[in-house]
Amino acid sequence: MISSDFAKIYYQLHPRFEENLSHQSVRILQYIQFATNPTIKQIAEAFRLSHNTTSEHVKKLEGLGYIE
């Protein structure tokens, strides 16, 4: 069970997006932030996703202007 103190802190630190981003998209953003020029293949391998699924997430994030 998560303590109520942690839940309050987590809620304040959790990014808020106007768009409805999936958990996976947020994780991909975090990965991109800390990786050096990651490729679709590297992202897919890191999250055990197919190349096509990863590509769709990345296209959505590009379309929203979160990544280039």
PDB file of N, CA and C in Angstrom:
ATOM      1  N   MET A   1       0.837  -1.178   0.000  1.00  0.00           N
ATOM      2  CA  MET A   1       0.000   0.000   0.000  1.00  0.00           C
ATOM      3  C   MET A   1       0.889   1.251   0.000  1.00  0.00           C
ATOM      4  N   ILE A   2       0.524   2.247  -0.764  1.00  0.00           N
ATOM      5  CA  ILE A   2       1.289   3.489  -0.846  1.00  0.00           C
ATOM      6  C   ILE A   2       0.857   4.406   0.290  1.00  0.00           C
ATOM      7  N   SER A   3       1.838   4.968   0.970  1.00  0.00           N
ATOM      8  CA  SER A   3       1.506   5.881   2.075  1.00  0.00           C
ATOM      9  C   SER A   3       0.846   7.143   1.523  1.00  0.00           C
ATOM     10  N   SER A   4      -0.014   7.743   2.323  1.00  0.00           N
ATOM     11  CA  SER A   4      -0.708   8.950   1.866  1.00  0.00           C
ATOM     12  C   SER A   4       0.270  10.106   1.658  1.00  0.00           C
ATOM     13  N   ASP A   5       1.353  10.144   2.447  1.00  0.00           N
ATOM     14  CA  ASP A   5       2.357  11.200   2.271  1.00  0.00           C
ATOM     15  C   ASP A   5       3.022  11.093   0.900  1.00  0.00           C
ATOM     16  N   PHE A   6       3.392   9.857   0.527  1.00  0.00           N
ATOM     17  CA  PHE A   6       4.015   9.647  -0.775  1.00  0.00           C
ATOM     18  C   PHE A   6       3.032  10.002  -1.889  1.00  0.00           C
ATOM     19  N   ALA A   7       1.786   9.599  -1.734  1.00  0.00           N
ATOM     20  CA  ALA A   7       0.777   9.878  -2.761  1.00  0.00           C
ATOM     21  C   ALA A   7       0.620  11.371  -2.985  1.00  0.00           C
ATOM     22  N   LYS A   8       0.649  12.167  -1.925  1.00  0.00           N
ATOM     23  CA  LYS A   8       0.528  13.614  -2.056  1.00  0.00           C
ATOM     24  C   LYS A   8       1.725  14.197  -2.795  1.00  0.00           C
ATOM     25  N   ILE A   9       2.913  13.735  -2.443  1.00  0.00           N
ATOM     26  CA  ILE A   9       4.129  14.216  -3.107  1.00  0.00           C
ATOM     27  C   ILE A   9       4.122  13.812  -4.575  1.00  0.00           C
ATOM     28  N   TYR A  10       3.795  12.544  -4.850  1.00  0.00           N
ATOM     29  CA  TYR A  10       3.786  12.044  -6.217  1.00  0.00           C
ATOM     30  C   TYR A  10       2.801  12.837  -7.068  1.00  0.00           C
ATOM     31  N   TYR A  11       1.629  13.115  -6.517  1.00  0.00           N
ATOM     32  CA  TYR A  11       0.615  13.860  -7.253  1.00  0.00           C
ATOM     33  C   TYR A  11       1.154  15.228  -7.664  1.00  0.00           C
ATOM     34  N   GLN A  12       1.888  15.879  -6.783  1.00  0.00           N
ATOM     35  CA  GLN A  12       2.433  17.202  -7.082  1.00  0.00           C
ATOM     36  C   GLN A  12       3.565  17.142  -8.103  1.00  0.00           C
ATOM     37  N   LEU A  13       4.303  16.039  -8.126  1.00  0.00           N
ATOM     38  CA  LEU A  13       5.438  15.912  -9.040  1.00  0.00           C
ATOM     39  C   LEU A  13       5.053  15.332 -10.400  1.00  0.00           C
ATOM     40  N   HIS A  14       3.914  14.673 -10.467  1.00  0.00           N
ATOM     41  CA  HIS A  14       3.489  14.021 -11.701  1.00  0.00           C
ATOM     42  C   HIS A  14       3.170  15.076 -12.753  1.00  0.00           C
ATOM     43  N   PRO A  15       3.730  14.919 -13.956  1.00  0.00           N
ATOM     44  CA  PRO A  15       3.457  15.919 -14.996  1.00  0.00           C
ATOM     45  C   PRO A  15       1.984  15.920 -15.393  1.00  0.00           C
ATOM     46  N   ARG A  16       1.467  17.096 -15.667  1.00  0.00           N
ATOM     47  CA  ARG A  16       0.076  17.227 -16.104  1.00  0.00           C
ATOM     48  C   ARG A  16       0.079  17.688 -17.553  1.00  0.00           C
ATOM     49  N   PHE A  17      -0.591  16.950 -18.371  1.00  0.00           N
ATOM     50  CA  PHE A  17      -0.677  17.278 -19.784  1.00  0.00           C
ATOM     51  C   PHE A  17      -2.128  17.549 -20.141  1.00  0.00           C
ATOM     52  N   GLU A  18      -2.351  18.542 -20.976  1.00  0.00           N
ATOM     53  CA  GLU A  18      -3.709  18.798 -21.425  1.00  0.00           C
ATOM     54  C   GLU A  18      -4.180  17.658 -22.329  1.00  0.00           C
ATOM     55  N   GLU A  19      -3.276  17.105 -23.106  1.00  0.00           N
ATOM     56  CA  GLU A  19      -3.608  15.975 -23.951  1.00  0.00           C
ATOM     57  C   GLU A  19      -3.627  14.726 -23.082  1.00  0.00           C
ATOM     58  N   ASN A  20      -4.382  13.753 -23.516  1.00  0.00           N
ATOM     59  CA  ASN A  20      -4.456  12.502 -22.771  1.00  0.00           C
ATOM     60  C   ASN A  20      -3.318  11.594 -23.225  1.00  0.00           C
ATOM     61  N   LEU A  21      -2.160  11.731 -22.592  1.00  0.00           N
ATOM     62  CA  LEU A  21      -1.008  10.898 -22.932  1.00  0.00           C
ATOM     63  C   LEU A  21      -1.064   9.598 -22.156  1.00  0.00           C
ATOM     64  N   SER A  22      -0.714   8.526 -22.837  1.00  0.00           N
ATOM     65  CA  SER A  22      -0.665   7.229 -22.172  1.00  0.00           C
ATOM     66  C   SER A  22       0.565   7.169 -21.267  1.00  0.00           C
ATOM     67  N   HIS A  23       0.525   6.242 -20.337  1.00  0.00           N
ATOM     68  CA  HIS A  23       1.669   6.027 -19.453  1.00  0.00           C
ATOM     69  C   HIS A  23       2.909   5.701 -20.280  1.00  0.00           C
ATOM     70  N   GLN A  24       2.722   4.902 -21.316  1.00  0.00           N
ATOM     71  CA  GLN A  24       3.837   4.515 -22.174  1.00  0.00           C
ATOM     72  C   GLN A  24       4.450   5.733 -22.867  1.00  0.00           C
ATOM     73  N   SER A  25       3.622   6.654 -23.314  1.00  0.00           N
ATOM     74  CA  SER A  25       4.134   7.866 -23.965  1.00  0.00           C
ATOM     75  C   SER A  25       4.945   8.711 -22.997  1.00  0.00           C
ATOM     76  N   VAL A  26       4.477   8.802 -21.763  1.00  0.00           N
ATOM     77  CA  VAL A  26       5.218   9.550 -20.749  1.00  0.00           C
ATOM     78  C   VAL A  26       6.559   8.879 -20.479  1.00  0.00           C
ATOM     79  N   ARG A  27       6.570   7.559 -20.393  1.00  0.00           N
ATOM     80  CA  ARG A  27       7.829   6.833 -20.178  1.00  0.00           C
ATOM     81  C   ARG A  27       8.785   7.038 -21.351  1.00  0.00           C
ATOM     82  N   ILE A  28       8.258   7.067 -22.553  1.00  0.00           N
ATOM     83  CA  ILE A  28       9.096   7.308 -23.730  1.00  0.00           C
ATOM     84  C   ILE A  28       9.687   8.713 -23.671  1.00  0.00           C
ATOM     85  N   LEU A  29       8.895   9.703 -23.280  1.00  0.00           N
ATOM     86  CA  LEU A  29       9.412  11.061 -23.116  1.00  0.00           C
ATOM     87  C   LEU A  29      10.556  11.085 -22.101  1.00  0.00           C
ATOM     88  N   GLN A  30      10.378  10.376 -20.994  1.00  0.00           N
ATOM     89  CA  GLN A  30      11.428  10.324 -19.973  1.00  0.00           C
ATOM     90  C   GLN A  30      12.690   9.672 -20.522  1.00  0.00           C
ATOM     91  N   TYR A  31      12.520   8.601 -21.277  1.00  0.00           N
ATOM     92  CA  TYR A  31      13.666   7.909 -21.869  1.00  0.00           C
ATOM     93  C   TYR A  31      14.412   8.838 -22.823  1.00  0.00           C
ATOM     94  N   ILE A  32      13.662   9.521 -23.678  1.00  0.00           N
ATOM     95  CA  ILE A  32      14.266  10.437 -24.653  1.00  0.00           C
ATOM     96  C   ILE A  32      15.013  11.564 -23.941  1.00  0.00           C
ATOM     97  N   GLN A  33      14.455  12.028 -22.846  1.00  0.00           N
ATOM     98  CA  GLN A  33      15.081  13.118 -22.099  1.00  0.00           C
ATOM     99  C   GLN A  33      16.479  12.750 -21.620  1.00  0.00           C
ATOM    100  N   PHE A  34      16.678  11.505 -21.213  1.00  0.00           N
ATOM    101  CA  PHE A  34      17.955  11.114 -20.619  1.00  0.00           C
ATOM    102  C   PHE A  34      18.875  10.346 -21.561  1.00  0.00           C
ATOM    103  N   ALA A  35      18.380   9.961 -22.728  1.00  0.00           N
ATOM    104  CA  ALA A  35      19.207   9.244 -23.698  1.00  0.00           C
ATOM    105  C   ALA A  35      19.820  10.251 -24.672  1.00  0.00           C
ATOM    106  N   THR A  36      20.870   9.844 -25.326  1.00  0.00           N
ATOM    107  CA  THR A  36      21.513  10.695 -26.311  1.00  0.00           C
ATOM    108  C   THR A  36      21.056  10.265 -27.700  1.00  0.00           C
ATOM    109  N   ASN A  37      20.189  11.082 -28.306  1.00  0.00           N
ATOM    110  CA  ASN A  37      19.670  10.815 -29.652  1.00  0.00           C
ATOM    111  C   ASN A  37      19.215   9.369 -29.840  1.00  0.00           C
ATOM    112  N   PRO A  38      18.248   8.914 -29.059  1.00  0.00           N
ATOM    113  CA  PRO A  38      17.808   7.525 -29.188  1.00  0.00           C
ATOM    114  C   PRO A  38      17.078   7.278 -30.507  1.00  0.00           C
ATOM    115  N   THR A  39      17.223   6.088 -31.015  1.00  0.00           N
ATOM    116  CA  THR A  39      16.518   5.682 -32.227  1.00  0.00           C
ATOM    117  C   THR A  39      15.217   4.985 -31.831  1.00  0.00           C
ATOM    118  N   ILE A  40      14.346   4.808 -32.807  1.00  0.00           N
ATOM    119  CA  ILE A  40      13.103   4.068 -32.574  1.00  0.00           C
ATOM    120  C   ILE A  40      13.442   2.665 -32.080  1.00  0.00           C
ATOM    121  N   LYS A  41      14.448   2.053 -32.679  1.00  0.00           N
ATOM    122  CA  LYS A  41      14.845   0.693 -32.290  1.00  0.00           C
ATOM    123  C   LYS A  41      15.283   0.656 -30.822  1.00  0.00           C
ATOM    124  N   GLN A  42      16.082   1.620 -30.397  1.00  0.00           N
ATOM    125  CA  GLN A  42      16.538   1.648 -29.009  1.00  0.00           C
ATOM    126  C   GLN A  42      15.380   1.832 -28.035  1.00  0.00           C
ATOM    127  N   ILE A  43      14.459   2.707 -28.386  1.00  0.00           N
ATOM    128  CA  ILE A  43      13.297   2.931 -27.527  1.00  0.00           C
ATOM    129  C   ILE A  43      12.448   1.662 -27.463  1.00  0.00           C
ATOM    130  N   ALA A  44      12.221   1.051 -28.612  1.00  0.00           N
ATOM    131  CA  ALA A  44      11.422  -0.180 -28.671  1.00  0.00           C
ATOM    132  C   ALA A  44      12.047  -1.282 -27.811  1.00  0.00           C
ATOM    133  N   GLU A  45      13.346  -1.433 -27.903  1.00  0.00           N
ATOM    134  CA  GLU A  45      14.035  -2.458 -27.118  1.00  0.00           C
ATOM    135  C   GLU A  45      13.982  -2.143 -25.622  1.00  0.00           C
ATOM    136  N   ALA A  46      14.115  -0.876 -25.272  1.00  0.00           N
ATOM    137  CA  ALA A  46      14.104  -0.490 -23.859  1.00  0.00           C
ATOM    138  C   ALA A  46      12.771  -0.822 -23.196  1.00  0.00           C
ATOM    139  N   PHE A  47      11.675  -0.713 -23.958  1.00  0.00           N
ATOM    140  CA  PHE A  47      10.347  -0.938 -23.393  1.00  0.00           C
ATOM    141  C   PHE A  47       9.692  -2.221 -23.890  1.00  0.00           C
ATOM    142  N   ARG A  48      10.461  -3.009 -24.641  1.00  0.00           N
ATOM    143  CA  ARG A  48       9.955  -4.279 -25.189  1.00  0.00           C
ATOM    144  C   ARG A  48       8.673  -4.063 -25.989  1.00  0.00           C
ATOM    145  N   LEU A  49       8.732  -3.064 -26.851  1.00  0.00           N
ATOM    146  CA  LEU A  49       7.616  -2.752 -27.736  1.00  0.00           C
ATOM    147  C   LEU A  49       7.999  -3.094 -29.167  1.00  0.00           C
ATOM    148  N   SER A  50       6.993  -3.258 -30.004  1.00  0.00           N
ATOM    149  CA  SER A  50       7.293  -3.465 -31.416  1.00  0.00           C
ATOM    150  C   SER A  50       7.751  -2.138 -32.020  1.00  0.00           C
ATOM    151  N   HIS A  51       8.441  -2.244 -33.130  1.00  0.00           N
ATOM    152  CA  HIS A  51       8.910  -1.051 -33.835  1.00  0.00           C
ATOM    153  C   HIS A  51       7.712  -0.192 -34.234  1.00  0.00           C
ATOM    154  N   ASN A  52       6.637  -0.822 -34.723  1.00  0.00           N
ATOM    155  CA  ASN A  52       5.457  -0.073 -35.173  1.00  0.00           C
ATOM    156  C   ASN A  52       4.779   0.662 -34.023  1.00  0.00           C
ATOM    157  N   THR A  53       4.627   0.007 -32.883  1.00  0.00           N
ATOM    158  CA  THR A  53       3.998   0.639 -31.722  1.00  0.00           C
ATOM    159  C   THR A  53       4.826   1.827 -31.255  1.00  0.00           C
ATOM    160  N   THR A  54       6.126   1.629 -31.187  1.00  0.00           N
ATOM    161  CA  THR A  54       7.018   2.707 -30.763  1.00  0.00           C
ATOM    162  C   THR A  54       6.941   3.868 -31.738  1.00  0.00           C
ATOM    163  N   SER A  55       6.938   3.563 -33.007  1.00  0.00           N
ATOM    164  CA  SER A  55       6.856   4.602 -34.028  1.00  0.00           C
ATOM    165  C   SER A  55       5.566   5.410 -33.888  1.00  0.00           C
ATOM    166  N   GLU A  56       4.456   4.758 -33.599  1.00  0.00           N
ATOM    167  CA  GLU A  56       3.179   5.463 -33.420  1.00  0.00           C
ATOM    168  C   GLU A  56       3.228   6.395 -32.211  1.00  0.00           C
ATOM    169  N   HIS A  57       3.808   5.938 -31.109  1.00  0.00           N
ATOM    170  CA  HIS A  57       3.960   6.793 -29.930  1.00  0.00           C
ATOM    171  C   HIS A  57       4.812   8.021 -30.267  1.00  0.00           C
ATOM    172  N   VAL A  58       5.916   7.800 -30.949  1.00  0.00           N
ATOM    173  CA  VAL A  58       6.830   8.889 -31.290  1.00  0.00           C
ATOM    174  C   VAL A  58       6.159   9.877 -32.244  1.00  0.00           C
ATOM    175  N   LYS A  59       5.422   9.370 -33.225  1.00  0.00           N
ATOM    176  CA  LYS A  59       4.706  10.260 -34.150  1.00  0.00           C
ATOM    177  C   LYS A  59       3.700  11.128 -33.405  1.00  0.00           C
ATOM    178  N   LYS A  60       2.993  10.540 -32.444  1.00  0.00           N
ATOM    179  CA  LYS A  60       2.018  11.300 -31.665  1.00  0.00           C
ATOM    180  C   LYS A  60       2.726  12.401 -30.870  1.00  0.00           C
ATOM    181  N   LEU A  61       3.840  12.046 -30.237  1.00  0.00           N
ATOM    182  CA  LEU A  61       4.593  13.020 -29.439  1.00  0.00           C
ATOM    183  C   LEU A  61       5.156  14.135 -30.314  1.00  0.00           C
ATOM    184  N   GLU A  62       5.592  13.780 -31.531  1.00  0.00           N
ATOM    185  CA  GLU A  62       6.066  14.797 -32.479  1.00  0.00           C
ATOM    186  C   GLU A  62       4.923  15.719 -32.893  1.00  0.00           C
ATOM    187  N   GLY A  63       3.779  15.137 -33.173  1.00  0.00           N
ATOM    188  CA  GLY A  63       2.617  15.911 -33.591  1.00  0.00           C
ATOM    189  C   GLY A  63       2.153  16.886 -32.514  1.00  0.00           C
ATOM    190  N   LEU A  64       2.336  16.495 -31.254  1.00  0.00           N
ATOM    191  CA  LEU A  64       1.956  17.362 -30.143  1.00  0.00           C
ATOM    192  C   LEU A  64       3.033  18.411 -29.837  1.00  0.00           C
ATOM    193  N   GLY A  65       4.189  18.277 -30.493  1.00  0.00           N
ATOM    194  CA  GLY A  65       5.260  19.236 -30.295  1.00  0.00           C
ATOM    195  C   GLY A  65       6.149  18.960 -29.084  1.00  0.00           C
ATOM    196  N   TYR A  66       6.036  17.767 -28.501  1.00  0.00           N
ATOM    197  CA  TYR A  66       6.856  17.434 -27.340  1.00  0.00           C
ATOM    198  C   TYR A  66       8.281  17.018 -27.717  1.00  0.00           C
ATOM    199  N   ILE A  67       8.433  16.499 -28.937  1.00  0.00           N
ATOM    200  CA  ILE A  67       9.771  16.085 -29.410  1.00  0.00           C
ATOM    201  C   ILE A  67       9.932  16.505 -30.865  1.00  0.00           C
ATOM    202  N   GLU A  68      11.158  16.514 -31.304  1.00  0.00           N
ATOM    203  CA  GLU A  68      11.468  16.822 -32.720  1.00  0.00           C
ATOM    204  C   GLU A  68      12.227  15.679 -33.330  1.00  0.00           C
TER     205      GLU A  68
END
